[in-house]
């Protein structure tokens, strides 16, 4: 019997990025694609536990595991410099 994929709510993408937000977005995208956690782990080339750690936002998740999960789901992570703030104190 095939496992059912439970839809996940899209996280608020306007707040500061942290592992919990990244994990929530990855879970959202996986559920949107109808992929089980087990299949996503397999597509990513990581263990089910390692993939679960990504989706739950574990702080000790390895960067390479995160990048594999992102790539498997077609998610691109971008790094953008924050503009320097001027000192209004003059």
PDB file of N, CA and C in Angstrom:
ATOM      1  N   UNK A   1       0.839  -1.179   0.000  1.00  0.00           N
ATOM      2  CA  UNK A   1       0.000   0.000   0.000  1.00  0.00           C
ATOM      3  C   UNK A   1       0.884   1.243   0.000  1.00  0.00           C
ATOM      4  N   UNK A   2       0.598   2.162  -0.901  1.00  0.00           N
ATOM      5  CA  UNK A   2       1.377   3.395  -1.004  1.00  0.00           C
ATOM      6  C   UNK A   2       1.086   4.304   0.184  1.00  0.00           C
ATOM      7  N   UNK A   3       2.145   4.971   0.642  1.00  0.00           N
ATOM      8  CA  UNK A   3       1.971   5.914   1.747  1.00  0.00           C
ATOM      9  C   UNK A   3       1.335   7.192   1.239  1.00  0.00           C
ATOM     10  N   UNK A   4       0.547   7.794   2.084  1.00  0.00           N
ATOM     11  CA  UNK A   4      -0.141   9.040   1.766  1.00  0.00           C
ATOM     12  C   UNK A   4       0.752  10.218   2.129  1.00  0.00           C
ATOM     13  N   UNK A   5       0.814  11.206   1.260  1.00  0.00           N
ATOM     14  CA  UNK A   5       1.582  12.414   1.521  1.00  0.00           C
ATOM     15  C   UNK A   5       0.634  13.456   2.099  1.00  0.00           C
ATOM     16  N   UNK A   6       0.961  13.922   3.293  1.00  0.00           N
ATOM     17  CA  UNK A   6       0.130  14.916   3.968  1.00  0.00           C
ATOM     18  C   UNK A   6       0.554  16.307   3.505  1.00  0.00           C
ATOM     19  N   UNK A   7      -0.390  17.105   2.984  1.00  0.00           N
ATOM     20  CA  UNK A   7      -0.033  18.456   2.545  1.00  0.00           C
ATOM     21  C   UNK A   7       0.524  19.297   3.692  1.00  0.00           C
ATOM     22  N   UNK A   8       1.534  20.088   3.387  1.00  0.00           N
ATOM     23  CA  UNK A   8       2.132  20.977   4.382  1.00  0.00           C
ATOM     24  C   UNK A   8       1.826  22.416   3.995  1.00  0.00           C
ATOM     25  N   UNK A   9       1.680  23.258   4.997  1.00  0.00           N
ATOM     26  CA  UNK A   9       1.404  24.678   4.773  1.00  0.00           C
ATOM     27  C   UNK A   9       2.692  25.388   4.371  1.00  0.00           C
ATOM     28  N   UNK A  10       2.586  26.325   3.432  1.00  0.00           N
ATOM     29  CA  UNK A  10       3.749  27.094   3.002  1.00  0.00           C
ATOM     30  C   UNK A  10       4.168  28.020   4.135  1.00  0.00           C
ATOM     31  N   UNK A  11       5.454  27.983   4.525  1.00  0.00           N
ATOM     32  CA  UNK A  11       5.915  28.848   5.618  1.00  0.00           C
ATOM     33  C   UNK A  11       6.011  30.310   5.181  1.00  0.00           C
ATOM     34  N   UNK A  12       6.053  31.188   6.151  1.00  0.00           N
ATOM     35  CA  UNK A  12       6.215  32.625   5.909  1.00  0.00           C
ATOM     36  C   UNK A  12       7.643  32.868   5.417  1.00  0.00           C
ATOM     37  N   UNK A  13       7.781  33.199   4.145  1.00  0.00           N
ATOM     38  CA  UNK A  13       9.101  33.369   3.551  1.00  0.00           C
ATOM     39  C   UNK A  13       9.631  34.793   3.692  1.00  0.00           C
ATOM     40  N   UNK A  14       8.935  35.634   4.457  1.00  0.00           N
ATOM     41  CA  UNK A  14       9.384  37.015   4.630  1.00  0.00           C
ATOM     42  C   UNK A  14      10.217  37.196   5.894  1.00  0.00           C
ATOM     43  N   UNK A  15      10.250  36.190   6.741  1.00  0.00           N
ATOM     44  CA  UNK A  15      11.019  36.330   7.982  1.00  0.00           C
ATOM     45  C   UNK A  15      12.461  35.883   7.759  1.00  0.00           C
ATOM     46  N   UNK A  16      13.306  36.124   8.734  1.00  0.00           N
ATOM     47  CA  UNK A  16      14.711  35.756   8.641  1.00  0.00           C
ATOM     48  C   UNK A  16      14.854  34.247   8.434  1.00  0.00           C
ATOM     49  N   UNK A  17      15.822  33.880   7.632  1.00  0.00           N
ATOM     50  CA  UNK A  17      16.043  32.468   7.320  1.00  0.00           C
ATOM     51  C   UNK A  17      16.764  31.782   8.469  1.00  0.00           C
ATOM     52  N   UNK A  18      16.233  30.641   8.865  1.00  0.00           N
ATOM     53  CA  UNK A  18      16.913  29.771   9.822  1.00  0.00           C
ATOM     54  C   UNK A  18      16.627  28.331   9.401  1.00  0.00           C
ATOM     55  N   UNK A  19      17.197  27.379  10.091  1.00  0.00           N
ATOM     56  CA  UNK A  19      17.031  25.972   9.710  1.00  0.00           C
ATOM     57  C   UNK A  19      15.574  25.532   9.789  1.00  0.00           C
ATOM     58  N   UNK A  20      14.827  26.054  10.758  1.00  0.00           N
ATOM     59  CA  UNK A  20      13.419  25.671  10.885  1.00  0.00           C
ATOM     60  C   UNK A  20      12.623  26.141   9.674  1.00  0.00           C
ATOM     61  N   UNK A  21      12.883  27.372   9.205  1.00  0.00           N
ATOM     62  CA  UNK A  21      12.174  27.894   8.039  1.00  0.00           C
ATOM     63  C   UNK A  21      12.558  27.132   6.782  1.00  0.00           C
ATOM     64  N   UNK A  22      13.851  26.846   6.605  1.00  0.00           N
ATOM     65  CA  UNK A  22      14.284  26.068   5.445  1.00  0.00           C
ATOM     66  C   UNK A  22      13.642  24.686   5.456  1.00  0.00           C
ATOM     67  N   UNK A  23      13.653  24.047   6.608  1.00  0.00           N
ATOM     68  CA  UNK A  23      13.048  22.726   6.728  1.00  0.00           C
ATOM     69  C   UNK A  23      11.565  22.741   6.420  1.00  0.00           C
ATOM     70  N   UNK A  24      10.870  23.766   6.905  1.00  0.00           N
ATOM     71  CA  UNK A  24       9.435  23.883   6.649  1.00  0.00           C
ATOM     72  C   UNK A  24       9.166  24.074   5.158  1.00  0.00           C
ATOM     73  N   UNK A  25      10.014  24.849   4.496  1.00  0.00           N
ATOM     74  CA  UNK A  25       9.816  25.053   3.058  1.00  0.00           C
ATOM     75  C   UNK A  25      10.098  23.767   2.282  1.00  0.00           C
ATOM     76  N   UNK A  26      11.128  23.050   2.673  1.00  0.00           N
ATOM     77  CA  UNK A  26      11.449  21.782   2.012  1.00  0.00           C
ATOM     78  C   UNK A  26      10.306  20.793   2.189  1.00  0.00           C
ATOM     79  N   UNK A  27       9.735  20.729   3.374  1.00  0.00           N
ATOM     80  CA  UNK A  27       8.592  19.844   3.610  1.00  0.00           C
ATOM     81  C   UNK A  27       7.395  20.272   2.758  1.00  0.00           C
ATOM     82  N   UNK A  28       7.149  21.577   2.698  1.00  0.00           N
ATOM     83  CA  UNK A  28       6.062  22.106   1.876  1.00  0.00           C
ATOM     84  C   UNK A  28       6.249  21.690   0.412  1.00  0.00           C
ATOM     85  N   UNK A  29       7.448  21.889  -0.125  1.00  0.00           N
ATOM     86  CA  UNK A  29       7.716  21.566  -1.529  1.00  0.00           C
ATOM     87  C   UNK A  29       7.569  20.065  -1.778  1.00  0.00           C
ATOM     88  N   UNK A  30       8.074  19.247  -0.867  1.00  0.00           N
ATOM     89  CA  UNK A  30       7.955  17.787  -1.002  1.00  0.00           C
ATOM     90  C   UNK A  30       6.495  17.380  -1.033  1.00  0.00           C
ATOM     91  N   UNK A  31       5.699  17.942  -0.131  1.00  0.00           N
ATOM     92  CA  UNK A  31       4.280  17.575  -0.083  1.00  0.00           C
ATOM     93  C   UNK A  31       3.548  18.075  -1.329  1.00  0.00           C
ATOM     94  N   UNK A  32       3.939  19.248  -1.825  1.00  0.00           N
ATOM     95  CA  UNK A  32       3.345  19.793  -3.040  1.00  0.00           C
ATOM     96  C   UNK A  32       3.608  18.864  -4.230  1.00  0.00           C
ATOM     97  N   UNK A  33       4.790  18.263  -4.255  1.00  0.00           N
ATOM     98  CA  UNK A  33       5.162  17.340  -5.329  1.00  0.00           C
ATOM     99  C   UNK A  33       4.591  15.940  -5.130  1.00  0.00           C
ATOM    100  N   UNK A  34       4.012  15.680  -3.948  1.00  0.00           N
ATOM    101  CA  UNK A  34       3.433  14.371  -3.670  1.00  0.00           C
ATOM    102  C   UNK A  34       4.465  13.288  -3.424  1.00  0.00           C
ATOM    103  N   UNK A  35       5.606  13.669  -2.875  1.00  0.00           N
ATOM    104  CA  UNK A  35       6.706  12.732  -2.623  1.00  0.00           C
ATOM    105  C   UNK A  35       6.745  12.385  -1.142  1.00  0.00           C
ATOM    106  N   UNK A  36       6.848  11.104  -0.826  1.00  0.00           N
ATOM    107  CA  UNK A  36       6.954  10.694   0.573  1.00  0.00           C
ATOM    108  C   UNK A  36       8.333  11.053   1.118  1.00  0.00           C
ATOM    109  N   UNK A  37       8.436  11.117   2.418  1.00  0.00           N
ATOM    110  CA  UNK A  37       9.714  11.402   3.049  1.00  0.00           C
ATOM    111  C   UNK A  37      10.745  10.348   2.661  1.00  0.00           C
ATOM    112  N   UNK A  38      10.334   9.094   2.639  1.00  0.00           N
ATOM    113  CA  UNK A  38      11.241   7.999   2.282  1.00  0.00           C
ATOM    114  C   UNK A  38      11.763   8.169   0.856  1.00  0.00           C
ATOM    115  N   UNK A  39      10.860   8.514  -0.073  1.00  0.00           N
ATOM    116  CA  UNK A  39      11.276   8.699  -1.458  1.00  0.00           C
ATOM    117  C   UNK A  39      12.165   9.930  -1.617  1.00  0.00           C
ATOM    118  N   UNK A  40      11.864  10.988  -0.890  1.00  0.00           N
ATOM    119  CA  UNK A  40      12.690  12.195  -0.954  1.00  0.00           C
ATOM    120  C   UNK A  40      14.090  11.910  -0.433  1.00  0.00           C
ATOM    121  N   UNK A  41      14.172  11.128   0.628  1.00  0.00           N
ATOM    122  CA  UNK A  41      15.486  10.755   1.166  1.00  0.00           C
ATOM    123  C   UNK A  41      16.264   9.958   0.126  1.00  0.00           C
ATOM    124  N   UNK A  42      15.583   9.028  -0.521  1.00  0.00           N
ATOM    125  CA  UNK A  42      16.221   8.206  -1.552  1.00  0.00           C
ATOM    126  C   UNK A  42      16.685   9.067  -2.726  1.00  0.00           C
ATOM    127  N   UNK A  43      15.836   9.977  -3.180  1.00  0.00           N
ATOM    128  CA  UNK A  43      16.203  10.887  -4.275  1.00  0.00           C
ATOM    129  C   UNK A  43      17.396  11.763  -3.898  1.00  0.00           C
ATOM    130  N   UNK A  44      17.490  12.109  -2.627  1.00  0.00           N
ATOM    131  CA  UNK A  44      18.566  12.969  -2.132  1.00  0.00           C
ATOM    132  C   UNK A  44      19.853  12.201  -1.881  1.00  0.00           C
ATOM    133  N   UNK A  45      19.739  10.887  -1.765  1.00  0.00           N
ATOM    134  CA  UNK A  45      20.921  10.075  -1.474  1.00  0.00           C
ATOM    135  C   UNK A  45      21.344  10.144  -0.020  1.00  0.00           C
ATOM    136  N   UNK A  46      20.375  10.372   0.863  1.00  0.00           N
ATOM    137  CA  UNK A  46      20.666  10.427   2.298  1.00  0.00           C
ATOM    138  C   UNK A  46      19.715   9.486   3.028  1.00  0.00           C
ATOM    139  N   UNK A  47      20.008   9.213   4.272  1.00  0.00           N
ATOM    140  CA  UNK A  47      19.146   8.339   5.062  1.00  0.00           C
ATOM    141  C   UNK A  47      17.827   9.034   5.377  1.00  0.00           C
ATOM    142  N   UNK A  48      16.835   8.240   5.705  1.00  0.00           N
ATOM    143  CA  UNK A  48      15.526   8.782   6.082  1.00  0.00           C
ATOM    144  C   UNK A  48      15.674   9.697   7.296  1.00  0.00           C
ATOM    145  N   UNK A  49      16.485   9.295   8.272  1.00  0.00           N
ATOM    146  CA  UNK A  49      16.688  10.100   9.479  1.00  0.00           C
ATOM    147  C   UNK A  49      17.355  11.435   9.151  1.00  0.00           C
ATOM    148  N   UNK A  50      18.381  11.402   8.285  1.00  0.00           N
ATOM    149  CA  UNK A  50      19.069  12.642   7.901  1.00  0.00           C
ATOM    150  C   UNK A  50      18.110  13.579   7.185  1.00  0.00           C
ATOM    151  N   UNK A  51      17.266  13.030   6.314  1.00  0.00           N
ATOM    152  CA  UNK A  51      16.302  13.858   5.588  1.00  0.00           C
ATOM    153  C   UNK A  51      15.262  14.430   6.551  1.00  0.00           C
ATOM    154  N   UNK A  52      14.811  13.615   7.482  1.00  0.00           N
ATOM    155  CA  UNK A  52      13.855  14.074   8.485  1.00  0.00           C
ATOM    156  C   UNK A  52      14.448  15.221   9.301  1.00  0.00           C
ATOM    157  N   UNK A  53      15.740  15.126   9.625  1.00  0.00           N
ATOM    158  CA  UNK A  53      16.413  16.193  10.370  1.00  0.00           C
ATOM    159  C   UNK A  53      16.396  17.511   9.591  1.00  0.00           C
ATOM    160  N   UNK A  54      16.522  17.421   8.263  1.00  0.00           N
ATOM    161  CA  UNK A  54      16.448  18.624   7.426  1.00  0.00           C
ATOM    162  C   UNK A  54      15.061  19.255   7.567  1.00  0.00           C
ATOM    163  N   UNK A  55      14.020  18.438   7.387  1.00  0.00           N
ATOM    164  CA  UNK A  55      12.650  18.964   7.414  1.00  0.00           C
ATOM    165  C   UNK A  55      12.227  19.490   8.779  1.00  0.00           C
ATOM    166  N   UNK A  56      12.791  18.949   9.840  1.00  0.00           N
ATOM    167  CA  UNK A  56      12.425  19.420  11.174  1.00  0.00           C
ATOM    168  C   UNK A  56      13.327  20.564  11.647  1.00  0.00           C
ATOM    169  N   UNK A  57      14.283  20.960  10.803  1.00  0.00           N
ATOM    170  CA  UNK A  57      15.114  22.121  11.116  1.00  0.00           C
ATOM    171  C   UNK A  57      16.142  21.892  12.198  1.00  0.00           C
ATOM    172  N   UNK A  58      16.622  20.666  12.313  1.00  0.00           N
ATOM    173  CA  UNK A  58      17.647  20.381  13.330  1.00  0.00           C
ATOM    174  C   UNK A  58      18.883  21.240  13.064  1.00  0.00           C
ATOM    175  N   UNK A  59      19.359  21.900  14.093  1.00  0.00           N
ATOM    176  CA  UNK A  59      20.495  22.816  13.967  1.00  0.00           C
ATOM    177  C   UNK A  59      21.785  22.105  13.582  1.00  0.00           C
ATOM    178  N   UNK A  60      21.893  20.821  13.897  1.00  0.00           N
ATOM    179  CA  UNK A  60      23.130  20.094  13.613  1.00  0.00           C
ATOM    180  C   UNK A  60      23.112  19.388  12.254  1.00  0.00           C
ATOM    181  N   UNK A  61      22.170  19.761  11.390  1.00  0.00           N
ATOM    182  CA  UNK A  61      22.097  19.180  10.050  1.00  0.00           C
ATOM    183  C   UNK A  61      23.323  19.590   9.250  1.00  0.00           C
ATOM    184  N   UNK A  62      23.927  18.615   8.594  1.00  0.00           N
ATOM    185  CA  UNK A  62      25.107  18.900   7.772  1.00  0.00           C
ATOM    186  C   UNK A  62      24.707  19.698   6.537  1.00  0.00           C
ATOM    187  N   UNK A  63      25.562  20.627   6.146  1.00  0.00           N
ATOM    188  CA  UNK A  63      25.279  21.466   4.974  1.00  0.00           C
ATOM    189  C   UNK A  63      25.113  20.621   3.722  1.00  0.00           C
ATOM    190  N   UNK A  64      25.947  19.592   3.538  1.00  0.00           N
ATOM    191  CA  UNK A  64      25.830  18.782   2.324  1.00  0.00           C
ATOM    192  C   UNK A  64      24.494  18.037   2.276  1.00  0.00           C
ATOM    193  N   UNK A  65      23.973  17.644   3.419  1.00  0.00           N
ATOM    194  CA  UNK A  65      22.667  16.983   3.470  1.00  0.00           C
ATOM    195  C   UNK A  65      21.574  17.972   3.069  1.00  0.00           C
ATOM    196  N   UNK A  66      21.651  19.185   3.578  1.00  0.00           N
ATOM    197  CA  UNK A  66      20.690  20.228   3.211  1.00  0.00           C
ATOM    198  C   UNK A  66      20.730  20.482   1.713  1.00  0.00           C
ATOM    199  N   UNK A  67      21.927  20.620   1.153  1.00  0.00           N
ATOM    200  CA  UNK A  67      22.058  20.904  -0.276  1.00  0.00           C
ATOM    201  C   UNK A  67      21.532  19.760  -1.134  1.00  0.00           C
ATOM    202  N   UNK A  68      21.729  18.532  -0.707  1.00  0.00           N
ATOM    203  CA  UNK A  68      21.205  17.374  -1.440  1.00  0.00           C
ATOM    204  C   UNK A  68      19.680  17.379  -1.438  1.00  0.00           C
ATOM    205  N   UNK A  69      19.085  17.711  -0.305  1.00  0.00           N
ATOM    206  CA  UNK A  69      17.621  17.779  -0.204  1.00  0.00           C
ATOM    207  C   UNK A  69      17.080  18.885  -1.099  1.00  0.00           C
ATOM    208  N   UNK A  70      17.719  20.036  -1.086  1.00  0.00           N
ATOM    209  CA  UNK A  70      17.287  21.151  -1.932  1.00  0.00           C
ATOM    210  C   UNK A  70      17.354  20.774  -3.409  1.00  0.00           C
ATOM    211  N   UNK A  71      18.464  20.196  -3.811  1.00  0.00           N
ATOM    212  CA  UNK A  71      18.653  19.835  -5.215  1.00  0.00           C
ATOM    213  C   UNK A  71      17.641  18.789  -5.677  1.00  0.00           C
ATOM    214  N   UNK A  72      17.386  17.798  -4.840  1.00  0.00           N
ATOM    215  CA  UNK A  72      16.452  16.728  -5.208  1.00  0.00           C
ATOM    216  C   UNK A  72      15.047  17.251  -5.471  1.00  0.00           C
ATOM    217  N   UNK A  73      14.677  18.347  -4.803  1.00  0.00           N
ATOM    218  CA  UNK A  73      13.342  18.911  -4.966  1.00  0.00           C
ATOM    219  C   UNK A  73      13.306  20.091  -5.931  1.00  0.00           C
ATOM    220  N   UNK A  74      14.449  20.411  -6.517  1.00  0.00           N
ATOM    221  CA  UNK A  74      14.495  21.512  -7.473  1.00  0.00           C
ATOM    222  C   UNK A  74      14.427  22.876  -6.832  1.00  0.00           C
ATOM    223  N   UNK A  75      14.966  22.983  -5.628  1.00  0.00           N
ATOM    224  CA  UNK A  75      14.972  24.256  -4.902  1.00  0.00           C
ATOM    225  C   UNK A  75      16.378  24.848  -4.996  1.00  0.00           C
ATOM    226  N   UNK A  76      16.446  26.123  -5.342  1.00  0.00           N
ATOM    227  CA  UNK A  76      17.730  26.804  -5.426  1.00  0.00           C
ATOM    228  C   UNK A  76      17.870  27.757  -4.246  1.00  0.00           C
ATOM    229  N   UNK A  77      18.958  27.641  -3.528  1.00  0.00           N
ATOM    230  CA  UNK A  77      19.246  28.529  -2.407  1.00  0.00           C
ATOM    231  C   UNK A  77      20.176  29.621  -2.914  1.00  0.00           C
ATOM    232  N   UNK A  78      19.822  30.873  -2.658  1.00  0.00           N
ATOM    233  CA  UNK A  78      20.644  31.987  -3.103  1.00  0.00           C
ATOM    234  C   UNK A  78      21.167  32.765  -1.909  1.00  0.00           C
ATOM    235  N   UNK A  79      22.373  33.256  -2.070  1.00  0.00           N
ATOM    236  CA  UNK A  79      22.978  34.104  -1.048  1.00  0.00           C
ATOM    237  C   UNK A  79      23.048  35.514  -1.622  1.00  0.00           C
ATOM    238  N   UNK A  80      22.479  36.452  -0.896  1.00  0.00           N
ATOM    239  CA  UNK A  80      22.433  37.838  -1.346  1.00  0.00           C
ATOM    240  C   UNK A  80      23.003  38.710  -0.238  1.00  0.00           C
ATOM    241  N   UNK A  81      23.930  39.588  -0.615  1.00  0.00           N
ATOM    242  CA  UNK A  81      24.489  40.511   0.366  1.00  0.00           C
ATOM    243  C   UNK A  81      23.408  41.460   0.865  1.00  0.00           C
ATOM    244  N   UNK A  82      23.430  41.723   2.141  1.00  0.00           N
ATOM    245  CA  UNK A  82      22.532  42.711   2.733  1.00  0.00           C
ATOM    246  C   UNK A  82      23.187  44.066   2.547  1.00  0.00           C
ATOM    247  N   UNK A  83      22.444  45.031   2.003  1.00  0.00           N
ATOM    248  CA  UNK A  83      23.045  46.364   1.815  1.00  0.00           C
ATOM    249  C   UNK A  83      23.517  46.933   3.150  1.00  0.00           C
ATOM    250  N   UNK A  84      24.662  47.603   3.088  1.00  0.00           N
ATOM    251  CA  UNK A  84      25.190  48.218   4.306  1.00  0.00           C
ATOM    252  C   UNK A  84      24.266  49.344   4.746  1.00  0.00           C
ATOM    253  N   UNK A  85      24.053  49.416   6.039  1.00  0.00           N
ATOM    254  CA  UNK A  85      23.214  50.487   6.583  1.00  0.00           C
ATOM    255  C   UNK A  85      24.088  51.689   6.890  1.00  0.00           C
ATOM    256  N   UNK A  86      23.529  52.856   6.663  1.00  0.00           N
ATOM    257  CA  UNK A  86      24.279  54.075   6.967  1.00  0.00           C
ATOM    258  C   UNK A  86      24.092  54.422   8.432  1.00  0.00           C
ATOM    259  N   UNK A  87      25.061  55.107   8.960  1.00  0.00           N
ATOM    260  CA  UNK A  87      25.008  55.535  10.354  1.00  0.00           C
ATOM    261  C   UNK A  87      24.258  56.864  10.425  1.00  0.00           C
ATOM    262  N   UNK A  88      23.059  56.838  10.950  1.00  0.00           N
ATOM    263  CA  UNK A  88      22.238  58.046  11.030  1.00  0.00           C
ATOM    264  C   UNK A  88      22.643  58.972  12.175  1.00  0.00           C
ATOM    265  N   UNK A  89      23.649  58.592  12.951  1.00  0.00           N
ATOM    266  CA  UNK A  89      24.061  59.403  14.092  1.00  0.00           C
ATOM    267  C   UNK A  89      24.961  60.562  13.661  1.00  0.00           C
ATOM    268  N   UNK A  90      25.451  60.515  12.415  1.00  0.00           N
ATOM    269  CA  UNK A  90      26.220  61.606  11.818  1.00  0.00           C
ATOM    270  C   UNK A  90      27.459  61.887  12.497  1.00  0.00           C
TER     271      UNK A  90
END
